[in-house]
């Protein structure tokens, strides 16, 4: 009985400003290199904001492909091709542990928030901020800043000593 080849995750981040046919060609080429018979799961996660800008891009189109690879040459060829392909913002190939199944469904991406909306709070948020600002300070904070009456006074700095 032959052992099942290891399962890998390929996460592709494609440039959303590239033409749709270019993005489809990149995905088709990746699937062809892997081999359609080896792909176990494939899904598109849509366009999502990046955690930090990559090459001045703030979003990317995410794709996940799970596949079996029996030899390392597939991984090497896939990595080399994706590294030099225009339109690929980032990619990552991860070897999964044995027995890991299909990933859970990815929730829908939140629409990107505008920076102006974040800087200008709405009226409800202003009202909350006003209430929080009008509250007196907690007594614990006042006690922590107070100096006990029996504490020794700090010694004055020596005259003529320079730091």
N, C-alpha and C. Protein backbone atom coordinates (compact mmCIF):
# COMPACT_ATOMS: atom_id res chain seq x y z
N UNK A 1 0.85 -1.16 0.00
CA UNK A 1 0.00 0.00 0.00
C UNK A 1 0.90 1.23 0.00
N UNK A 2 0.70 2.14 -0.95
CA UNK A 2 1.55 3.32 -1.04
C UNK A 2 1.02 4.43 -0.14
N UNK A 3 1.94 5.20 0.39
CA UNK A 3 1.56 6.30 1.27
C UNK A 3 1.03 7.46 0.44
N UNK A 4 0.11 8.19 1.00
CA UNK A 4 -0.43 9.36 0.33
C UNK A 4 0.63 10.46 0.32
N UNK A 5 0.84 11.09 -0.83
CA UNK A 5 1.84 12.18 -0.85
C UNK A 5 1.39 13.32 0.05
N UNK A 6 2.34 14.12 0.54
CA UNK A 6 1.99 15.22 1.44
C UNK A 6 1.08 16.24 0.76
N UNK A 7 0.28 16.90 1.59
CA UNK A 7 -0.63 17.94 1.11
C UNK A 7 0.00 19.30 1.37
N UNK A 8 -0.17 20.20 0.40
CA UNK A 8 0.38 21.54 0.49
C UNK A 8 -0.72 22.57 0.27
N UNK A 9 -0.57 23.73 0.90
CA UNK A 9 -1.41 24.88 0.65
C UNK A 9 -0.60 25.87 -0.16
N UNK A 10 -1.17 26.36 -1.25
CA UNK A 10 -0.59 27.45 -2.02
C UNK A 10 -1.53 28.63 -1.88
N UNK A 11 -1.05 29.70 -1.26
CA UNK A 11 -1.83 30.93 -1.13
C UNK A 11 -1.21 31.94 -2.08
N UNK A 12 -2.00 32.40 -3.02
CA UNK A 12 -1.55 33.37 -4.02
C UNK A 12 -2.20 34.71 -3.76
N UNK A 13 -1.41 35.76 -3.76
CA UNK A 13 -1.91 37.12 -3.68
C UNK A 13 -1.61 37.76 -5.02
N UNK A 14 -2.68 38.03 -5.77
CA UNK A 14 -2.53 38.58 -7.11
C UNK A 14 -2.86 40.07 -7.11
N UNK A 15 -2.22 40.79 -8.03
CA UNK A 15 -2.43 42.22 -8.17
C UNK A 15 -3.83 42.47 -8.70
N UNK A 16 -4.70 43.16 -7.94
CA UNK A 16 -6.06 43.39 -8.42
C UNK A 16 -6.12 44.39 -9.58
N UNK A 17 -5.04 45.13 -9.81
CA UNK A 17 -5.02 46.09 -10.91
C UNK A 17 -4.60 45.44 -12.23
N UNK A 18 -4.14 44.19 -12.17
CA UNK A 18 -3.81 43.45 -13.39
C UNK A 18 -5.11 43.08 -14.10
N UNK A 19 -5.02 42.90 -15.39
CA UNK A 19 -6.19 42.53 -16.18
C UNK A 19 -6.74 41.18 -15.70
N UNK A 20 -8.06 41.00 -15.73
CA UNK A 20 -8.65 39.73 -15.28
C UNK A 20 -8.13 38.52 -16.04
N UNK A 21 -7.87 38.66 -17.35
CA UNK A 21 -7.36 37.52 -18.10
C UNK A 21 -5.93 37.18 -17.69
N UNK A 22 -5.15 38.16 -17.26
CA UNK A 22 -3.79 37.91 -16.76
C UNK A 22 -3.86 37.13 -15.45
N UNK A 23 -4.77 37.54 -14.56
CA UNK A 23 -4.92 36.82 -13.28
C UNK A 23 -5.39 35.39 -13.51
N UNK A 24 -6.32 35.20 -14.44
CA UNK A 24 -6.79 33.85 -14.76
C UNK A 24 -5.67 33.00 -15.36
N UNK A 25 -4.82 33.60 -16.18
CA UNK A 25 -3.69 32.87 -16.77
C UNK A 25 -2.70 32.43 -15.69
N UNK A 26 -2.45 33.30 -14.71
CA UNK A 26 -1.54 32.94 -13.61
C UNK A 26 -2.11 31.75 -12.84
N UNK A 27 -3.40 31.80 -12.52
CA UNK A 27 -4.04 30.68 -11.82
C UNK A 27 -4.03 29.41 -12.66
N UNK A 28 -4.32 29.54 -13.95
CA UNK A 28 -4.32 28.37 -14.84
C UNK A 28 -2.93 27.76 -14.96
N UNK A 29 -1.91 28.60 -15.06
CA UNK A 29 -0.53 28.09 -15.14
C UNK A 29 -0.13 27.38 -13.85
N UNK A 30 -0.53 27.94 -12.71
CA UNK A 30 -0.21 27.29 -11.42
C UNK A 30 -0.90 25.93 -11.33
N UNK A 31 -2.17 25.89 -11.73
CA UNK A 31 -2.89 24.61 -11.71
C UNK A 31 -2.27 23.59 -12.67
N UNK A 32 -1.81 24.06 -13.83
CA UNK A 32 -1.19 23.16 -14.81
C UNK A 32 0.13 22.60 -14.26
N UNK A 33 0.92 23.45 -13.59
CA UNK A 33 2.19 22.96 -13.02
C UNK A 33 1.94 21.93 -11.93
N UNK A 34 0.90 22.16 -11.12
CA UNK A 34 0.59 21.21 -10.05
C UNK A 34 0.03 19.92 -10.64
N UNK A 35 -0.82 20.06 -11.64
CA UNK A 35 -1.51 18.90 -12.22
C UNK A 35 -2.91 18.84 -11.68
N UNK A 36 -3.89 18.92 -12.55
CA UNK A 36 -5.29 18.96 -12.13
C UNK A 36 -5.67 17.76 -11.27
N UNK A 37 -5.04 16.60 -11.50
CA UNK A 37 -5.39 15.41 -10.72
C UNK A 37 -4.88 15.50 -9.28
N UNK A 38 -3.90 16.34 -9.04
CA UNK A 38 -3.32 16.47 -7.70
C UNK A 38 -4.02 17.52 -6.84
N UNK A 39 -4.82 18.42 -7.42
CA UNK A 39 -5.49 19.47 -6.66
C UNK A 39 -6.67 18.88 -5.90
N UNK A 40 -6.69 19.13 -4.59
CA UNK A 40 -7.77 18.60 -3.75
C UNK A 40 -8.81 19.66 -3.40
N UNK A 41 -8.41 20.94 -3.37
CA UNK A 41 -9.33 22.01 -3.01
C UNK A 41 -8.82 23.31 -3.61
N UNK A 42 -9.73 24.12 -4.11
CA UNK A 42 -9.35 25.41 -4.68
C UNK A 42 -10.48 26.39 -4.45
N UNK A 43 -10.14 27.59 -3.99
CA UNK A 43 -11.16 28.61 -3.81
C UNK A 43 -10.54 30.00 -3.90
N UNK A 44 -11.40 30.94 -4.25
CA UNK A 44 -11.00 32.35 -4.33
C UNK A 44 -11.56 33.06 -3.11
N UNK A 45 -10.72 33.83 -2.42
CA UNK A 45 -11.16 34.57 -1.24
C UNK A 45 -11.47 36.02 -1.58
N UNK A 46 -11.31 36.39 -2.83
CA UNK A 46 -11.65 37.75 -3.26
C UNK A 46 -10.58 38.76 -2.90
N UNK A 47 -10.90 40.01 -3.18
CA UNK A 47 -9.95 41.09 -2.91
C UNK A 47 -10.04 41.49 -1.44
N UNK A 48 -8.90 41.57 -0.79
CA UNK A 48 -8.82 41.92 0.63
C UNK A 48 -7.70 42.93 0.84
N UNK A 49 -7.85 43.72 1.88
CA UNK A 49 -6.80 44.68 2.23
C UNK A 49 -5.59 43.93 2.79
N UNK A 50 -4.41 44.40 2.46
CA UNK A 50 -3.18 43.82 2.98
C UNK A 50 -2.91 44.40 4.37
N UNK A 51 -2.22 43.66 5.20
CA UNK A 51 -1.88 44.15 6.54
C UNK A 51 -0.92 45.32 6.45
N UNK A 52 -0.07 45.32 5.45
CA UNK A 52 0.87 46.41 5.20
C UNK A 52 1.07 46.50 3.70
N UNK A 53 1.41 47.67 3.19
CA UNK A 53 1.59 47.80 1.73
C UNK A 53 2.76 46.94 1.23
N UNK A 54 2.54 46.32 0.08
CA UNK A 54 3.58 45.54 -0.59
C UNK A 54 3.73 46.14 -1.97
N UNK A 55 4.92 46.65 -2.27
CA UNK A 55 5.19 47.30 -3.56
C UNK A 55 4.13 48.37 -3.85
N UNK A 56 3.81 49.15 -2.83
CA UNK A 56 2.85 50.27 -2.90
C UNK A 56 1.43 49.82 -3.21
N UNK A 57 1.13 48.55 -2.98
CA UNK A 57 -0.22 48.03 -3.17
C UNK A 57 -0.84 47.81 -1.80
N UNK A 58 -2.09 48.23 -1.65
CA UNK A 58 -2.76 48.13 -0.36
C UNK A 58 -3.77 46.99 -0.30
N UNK A 59 -4.02 46.32 -1.44
CA UNK A 59 -4.94 45.20 -1.45
C UNK A 59 -4.45 44.17 -2.46
N UNK A 60 -4.98 42.96 -2.34
CA UNK A 60 -4.62 41.89 -3.27
C UNK A 60 -5.81 40.94 -3.40
N UNK A 61 -5.82 40.19 -4.48
CA UNK A 61 -6.84 39.17 -4.71
C UNK A 61 -6.26 37.85 -4.21
N UNK A 62 -6.90 37.26 -3.21
CA UNK A 62 -6.40 36.05 -2.55
C UNK A 62 -7.00 34.79 -3.19
N UNK A 63 -6.15 33.77 -3.34
CA UNK A 63 -6.58 32.46 -3.84
C UNK A 63 -5.88 31.38 -3.02
N UNK A 64 -6.61 30.31 -2.74
CA UNK A 64 -6.06 29.16 -2.03
C UNK A 64 -6.19 27.94 -2.91
N UNK A 65 -5.09 27.20 -3.04
CA UNK A 65 -5.11 25.92 -3.76
C UNK A 65 -4.45 24.88 -2.87
N UNK A 66 -5.17 23.82 -2.52
CA UNK A 66 -4.60 22.71 -1.78
C UNK A 66 -4.32 21.59 -2.77
N UNK A 67 -3.14 20.98 -2.62
CA UNK A 67 -2.76 19.95 -3.58
C UNK A 67 -1.81 18.95 -2.95
N UNK A 68 -1.68 17.79 -3.62
CA UNK A 68 -0.71 16.76 -3.24
C UNK A 68 0.47 16.87 -4.19
N UNK A 69 1.67 16.78 -3.64
CA UNK A 69 2.88 16.78 -4.47
C UNK A 69 3.76 15.63 -4.03
N UNK A 70 4.04 14.75 -4.96
CA UNK A 70 4.84 13.57 -4.62
C UNK A 70 6.34 13.82 -4.77
N UNK A 71 6.73 14.85 -5.54
CA UNK A 71 8.16 15.13 -5.66
C UNK A 71 8.43 16.63 -5.50
N UNK A 72 9.64 16.94 -5.11
CA UNK A 72 10.03 18.33 -4.82
C UNK A 72 10.18 19.16 -6.09
N UNK A 73 10.33 18.52 -7.25
CA UNK A 73 10.51 19.30 -8.48
C UNK A 73 9.27 20.14 -8.80
N UNK A 74 8.08 19.66 -8.43
CA UNK A 74 6.86 20.43 -8.65
C UNK A 74 6.92 21.71 -7.83
N UNK A 75 7.34 21.60 -6.58
CA UNK A 75 7.41 22.77 -5.70
C UNK A 75 8.47 23.76 -6.18
N UNK A 76 9.61 23.24 -6.62
CA UNK A 76 10.67 24.12 -7.12
C UNK A 76 10.24 24.88 -8.36
N UNK A 77 9.63 24.17 -9.31
CA UNK A 77 9.17 24.81 -10.55
C UNK A 77 8.07 25.83 -10.25
N UNK A 78 7.15 25.48 -9.37
CA UNK A 78 6.06 26.38 -9.00
C UNK A 78 6.62 27.65 -8.35
N UNK A 79 7.54 27.49 -7.41
CA UNK A 79 8.14 28.64 -6.74
C UNK A 79 8.91 29.53 -7.69
N UNK A 80 9.70 28.94 -8.57
CA UNK A 80 10.48 29.73 -9.52
C UNK A 80 9.58 30.51 -10.46
N UNK A 81 8.54 29.88 -10.95
CA UNK A 81 7.63 30.53 -11.89
C UNK A 81 6.86 31.66 -11.22
N UNK A 82 6.34 31.42 -10.02
CA UNK A 82 5.57 32.45 -9.33
C UNK A 82 6.44 33.63 -8.91
N UNK A 83 7.70 33.37 -8.60
CA UNK A 83 8.62 34.43 -8.18
C UNK A 83 8.89 35.43 -9.30
N UNK A 84 8.92 34.97 -10.55
CA UNK A 84 9.26 35.86 -11.66
C UNK A 84 8.03 36.34 -12.45
N UNK A 85 6.84 35.90 -12.07
CA UNK A 85 5.63 36.26 -12.81
C UNK A 85 5.12 37.63 -12.38
N UNK A 86 4.92 38.51 -13.36
CA UNK A 86 4.29 39.80 -13.07
C UNK A 86 2.83 39.56 -12.73
N UNK A 87 2.33 40.30 -11.76
CA UNK A 87 0.95 40.14 -11.33
C UNK A 87 0.82 39.35 -10.04
N UNK A 88 1.90 38.69 -9.60
CA UNK A 88 1.90 37.98 -8.33
C UNK A 88 2.50 38.91 -7.28
N UNK A 89 1.68 39.32 -6.32
CA UNK A 89 2.16 40.19 -5.25
C UNK A 89 2.97 39.37 -4.26
N UNK A 90 2.42 38.26 -3.80
CA UNK A 90 3.09 37.33 -2.89
C UNK A 90 2.51 35.95 -3.11
N UNK A 91 3.26 34.93 -2.69
CA UNK A 91 2.74 33.57 -2.67
C UNK A 91 3.39 32.84 -1.51
N UNK A 92 2.75 31.79 -1.04
CA UNK A 92 3.30 31.01 0.05
C UNK A 92 2.86 29.57 -0.14
N UNK A 93 3.80 28.64 -0.04
CA UNK A 93 3.50 27.22 -0.11
C UNK A 93 3.81 26.65 1.27
N UNK A 94 2.81 26.00 1.87
CA UNK A 94 2.95 25.47 3.22
C UNK A 94 2.61 23.98 3.19
N UNK A 95 3.47 23.16 3.79
CA UNK A 95 3.21 21.73 3.89
C UNK A 95 2.31 21.49 5.09
N UNK A 96 1.19 20.81 4.86
CA UNK A 96 0.23 20.53 5.93
C UNK A 96 0.55 19.21 6.62
N UNK A 97 0.16 19.11 7.88
CA UNK A 97 0.32 17.84 8.60
C UNK A 97 -0.63 16.80 8.02
N UNK A 98 -0.31 15.55 8.21
CA UNK A 98 -1.16 14.47 7.72
C UNK A 98 -2.52 14.53 8.41
N UNK A 99 -3.57 14.32 7.64
CA UNK A 99 -4.92 14.28 8.19
C UNK A 99 -5.64 15.62 8.19
N UNK A 100 -4.98 16.67 7.76
CA UNK A 100 -5.63 17.97 7.71
C UNK A 100 -6.53 18.00 6.48
N UNK A 101 -7.78 18.35 6.70
CA UNK A 101 -8.76 18.36 5.60
C UNK A 101 -8.86 19.70 4.92
N UNK A 102 -9.97 19.89 4.27
CA UNK A 102 -10.23 21.14 3.57
C UNK A 102 -10.37 22.27 4.59
N UNK A 103 -9.99 23.47 4.22
CA UNK A 103 -10.09 24.59 5.16
C UNK A 103 -11.54 24.99 5.40
N UNK A 104 -11.82 25.62 6.54
CA UNK A 104 -13.18 26.09 6.76
C UNK A 104 -13.48 27.23 5.80
N UNK A 105 -14.76 27.51 5.57
CA UNK A 105 -15.08 28.59 4.63
C UNK A 105 -14.56 29.94 5.14
N UNK A 106 -14.04 30.74 4.21
CA UNK A 106 -13.50 32.05 4.55
C UNK A 106 -14.65 33.04 4.61
N UNK A 107 -14.74 33.83 5.70
CA UNK A 107 -15.81 34.83 5.76
C UNK A 107 -15.60 35.91 4.72
N UNK A 108 -16.67 36.57 4.36
CA UNK A 108 -16.60 37.63 3.35
C UNK A 108 -15.71 38.75 3.87
N UNK A 109 -14.99 39.36 2.96
CA UNK A 109 -14.09 40.45 3.33
C UNK A 109 -14.90 41.68 3.68
N UNK A 110 -14.42 42.42 4.69
CA UNK A 110 -15.05 43.68 5.05
C UNK A 110 -14.64 44.73 4.04
N UNK A 111 -15.55 45.64 3.71
CA UNK A 111 -15.15 46.70 2.79
C UNK A 111 -14.10 47.58 3.45
N UNK A 112 -13.12 48.06 2.68
CA UNK A 112 -12.08 48.89 3.28
C UNK A 112 -12.67 50.17 3.85
N UNK A 113 -12.16 50.54 5.03
CA UNK A 113 -12.62 51.76 5.68
C UNK A 113 -11.85 52.94 5.12
N UNK A 114 -12.56 54.04 4.95
CA UNK A 114 -11.91 55.24 4.45
C UNK A 114 -11.20 55.92 5.60
N UNK A 115 -10.01 56.48 5.34
CA UNK A 115 -9.24 57.12 6.38
C UNK A 115 -9.95 58.35 6.91
N UNK A 116 -10.69 59.08 6.08
CA UNK A 116 -11.39 60.28 6.51
C UNK A 116 -12.49 59.91 7.51
N UNK A 117 -13.14 58.78 7.31
CA UNK A 117 -14.20 58.37 8.22
C UNK A 117 -13.63 58.01 9.59
N UNK A 118 -12.44 57.48 9.62
CA UNK A 118 -11.80 57.13 10.89
C UNK A 118 -11.39 58.39 11.63
N UNK A 119 -10.89 59.39 10.93
CA UNK A 119 -10.42 60.60 11.55
C UNK A 119 -11.57 61.44 12.10
N UNK A 120 -12.74 61.43 11.47
CA UNK A 120 -13.88 62.21 11.90
C UNK A 120 -14.90 61.28 12.54
N UNK A 121 -14.99 61.22 13.88
CA UNK A 121 -15.96 60.33 14.51
C UNK A 121 -17.37 60.81 14.27
N UNK A 122 -18.31 59.87 14.28
CA UNK A 122 -19.71 60.23 14.09
C UNK A 122 -20.24 60.89 15.36
N UNK A 123 -21.44 61.43 15.30
CA UNK A 123 -22.03 62.11 16.45
C UNK A 123 -22.17 61.19 17.65
N UNK A 124 -22.53 59.93 17.43
CA UNK A 124 -22.67 58.99 18.54
C UNK A 124 -21.33 58.75 19.21
N UNK A 125 -20.28 58.65 18.42
CA UNK A 125 -18.96 58.43 19.00
C UNK A 125 -18.50 59.66 19.77
N UNK A 126 -18.84 60.87 19.28
CA UNK A 126 -18.47 62.08 19.99
C UNK A 126 -19.17 62.14 21.33
N UNK A 127 -20.45 61.76 21.37
CA UNK A 127 -21.21 61.78 22.61
C UNK A 127 -20.57 60.84 23.63
N UNK A 128 -20.16 59.65 23.19
CA UNK A 128 -19.49 58.72 24.09
C UNK A 128 -18.19 59.30 24.60
N UNK A 129 -17.43 59.94 23.72
CA UNK A 129 -16.15 60.51 24.13
C UNK A 129 -16.37 61.62 25.14
N UNK A 130 -17.42 62.43 24.96
CA UNK A 130 -17.70 63.50 25.91
C UNK A 130 -18.04 62.93 27.27
N UNK A 131 -18.84 61.89 27.33
CA UNK A 131 -19.21 61.30 28.61
C UNK A 131 -17.99 60.74 29.30
N UNK A 132 -17.11 60.07 28.55
CA UNK A 132 -15.91 59.50 29.14
C UNK A 132 -15.00 60.60 29.66
N UNK A 133 -14.88 61.72 28.94
CA UNK A 133 -14.00 62.81 29.36
C UNK A 133 -14.52 63.51 30.61
N UNK A 134 -15.85 63.55 30.83
CA UNK A 134 -16.43 64.26 31.97
C UNK A 134 -16.39 63.44 33.25
N UNK A 135 -16.09 62.15 33.17
CA UNK A 135 -16.07 61.33 34.37
C UNK A 135 -14.87 61.67 35.23
N UNK A 136 -15.03 61.67 36.57
CA UNK A 136 -13.88 61.93 37.43
C UNK A 136 -12.89 60.78 37.38
N UNK A 137 -11.64 61.06 37.71
CA UNK A 137 -10.61 60.03 37.71
C UNK A 137 -10.91 59.02 38.79
N UNK A 138 -10.47 57.80 38.57
CA UNK A 138 -10.70 56.74 39.54
C UNK A 138 -9.91 57.02 40.81
N UNK A 139 -10.48 56.72 42.01
CA UNK A 139 -9.76 57.00 43.25
C UNK A 139 -8.47 56.21 43.36
N UNK A 140 -8.39 55.02 42.75
CA UNK A 140 -7.16 54.23 42.84
C UNK A 140 -6.01 54.97 42.18
N UNK A 141 -6.28 55.67 41.08
CA UNK A 141 -5.23 56.40 40.39
C UNK A 141 -4.73 57.56 41.24
N UNK A 142 -5.65 58.24 41.94
CA UNK A 142 -5.23 59.34 42.79
C UNK A 142 -4.38 58.84 43.94
N UNK A 143 -4.77 57.70 44.54
CA UNK A 143 -4.01 57.15 45.66
C UNK A 143 -2.63 56.70 45.21
N UNK A 144 -2.51 56.18 44.00
CA UNK A 144 -1.21 55.70 43.53
C UNK A 144 -0.24 56.86 43.35
N UNK A 145 -0.75 58.05 42.97
CA UNK A 145 0.12 59.20 42.76
C UNK A 145 0.50 59.88 44.06
N UNK A 146 -0.29 59.68 45.12
CA UNK A 146 -0.03 60.35 46.39
C UNK A 146 1.20 59.76 47.06
N UNK A 147 1.94 60.61 47.78
CA UNK A 147 3.13 60.16 48.53
C UNK A 147 2.71 59.97 49.98
N UNK A 148 3.03 58.83 50.59
CA UNK A 148 2.66 58.61 51.99
C UNK A 148 3.30 59.68 52.89
N UNK A 149 2.61 60.02 53.97
CA UNK A 149 3.07 61.07 54.88
C UNK A 149 4.37 60.68 55.57
N UNK A 150 4.59 59.39 55.83
CA UNK A 150 5.79 58.98 56.55
C UNK A 150 6.95 58.64 55.62
N UNK A 151 6.84 58.93 54.33
CA UNK A 151 7.93 58.64 53.38
C UNK A 151 9.05 59.64 53.58
N UNK A 152 10.31 59.21 53.50
CA UNK A 152 11.43 60.14 53.66
C UNK A 152 11.49 61.09 52.47
N UNK A 153 11.90 62.32 52.73
CA UNK A 153 12.02 63.32 51.68
C UNK A 153 13.24 63.01 50.83
N UNK A 154 13.15 63.24 49.52
CA UNK A 154 14.31 62.99 48.68
C UNK A 154 15.42 63.99 49.01
N UNK A 155 16.66 63.48 48.91
CA UNK A 155 17.80 64.34 49.21
C UNK A 155 18.03 65.31 48.07
N UNK A 156 18.36 66.57 48.39
CA UNK A 156 18.63 67.53 47.33
C UNK A 156 19.90 67.16 46.58
N UNK A 157 19.97 67.52 45.32
CA UNK A 157 21.15 67.24 44.52
C UNK A 157 22.32 68.05 45.04
N UNK A 158 23.50 67.48 44.98
CA UNK A 158 24.71 68.16 45.45
C UNK A 158 24.99 69.37 44.58
N UNK A 159 25.34 70.47 45.23
CA UNK A 159 25.62 71.69 44.47
C UNK A 159 26.96 71.54 43.75
N UNK A 160 27.01 72.05 42.56
CA UNK A 160 28.26 72.02 41.78
C UNK A 160 28.46 70.72 41.04
N UNK A 161 27.63 69.72 41.30
CA UNK A 161 27.76 68.44 40.58
C UNK A 161 27.04 68.57 39.26
N UNK A 162 27.73 68.22 38.20
CA UNK A 162 27.10 68.28 36.87
C UNK A 162 26.89 66.86 36.38
N UNK A 163 25.83 66.70 35.65
CA UNK A 163 25.52 65.38 35.12
C UNK A 163 26.16 65.17 33.79
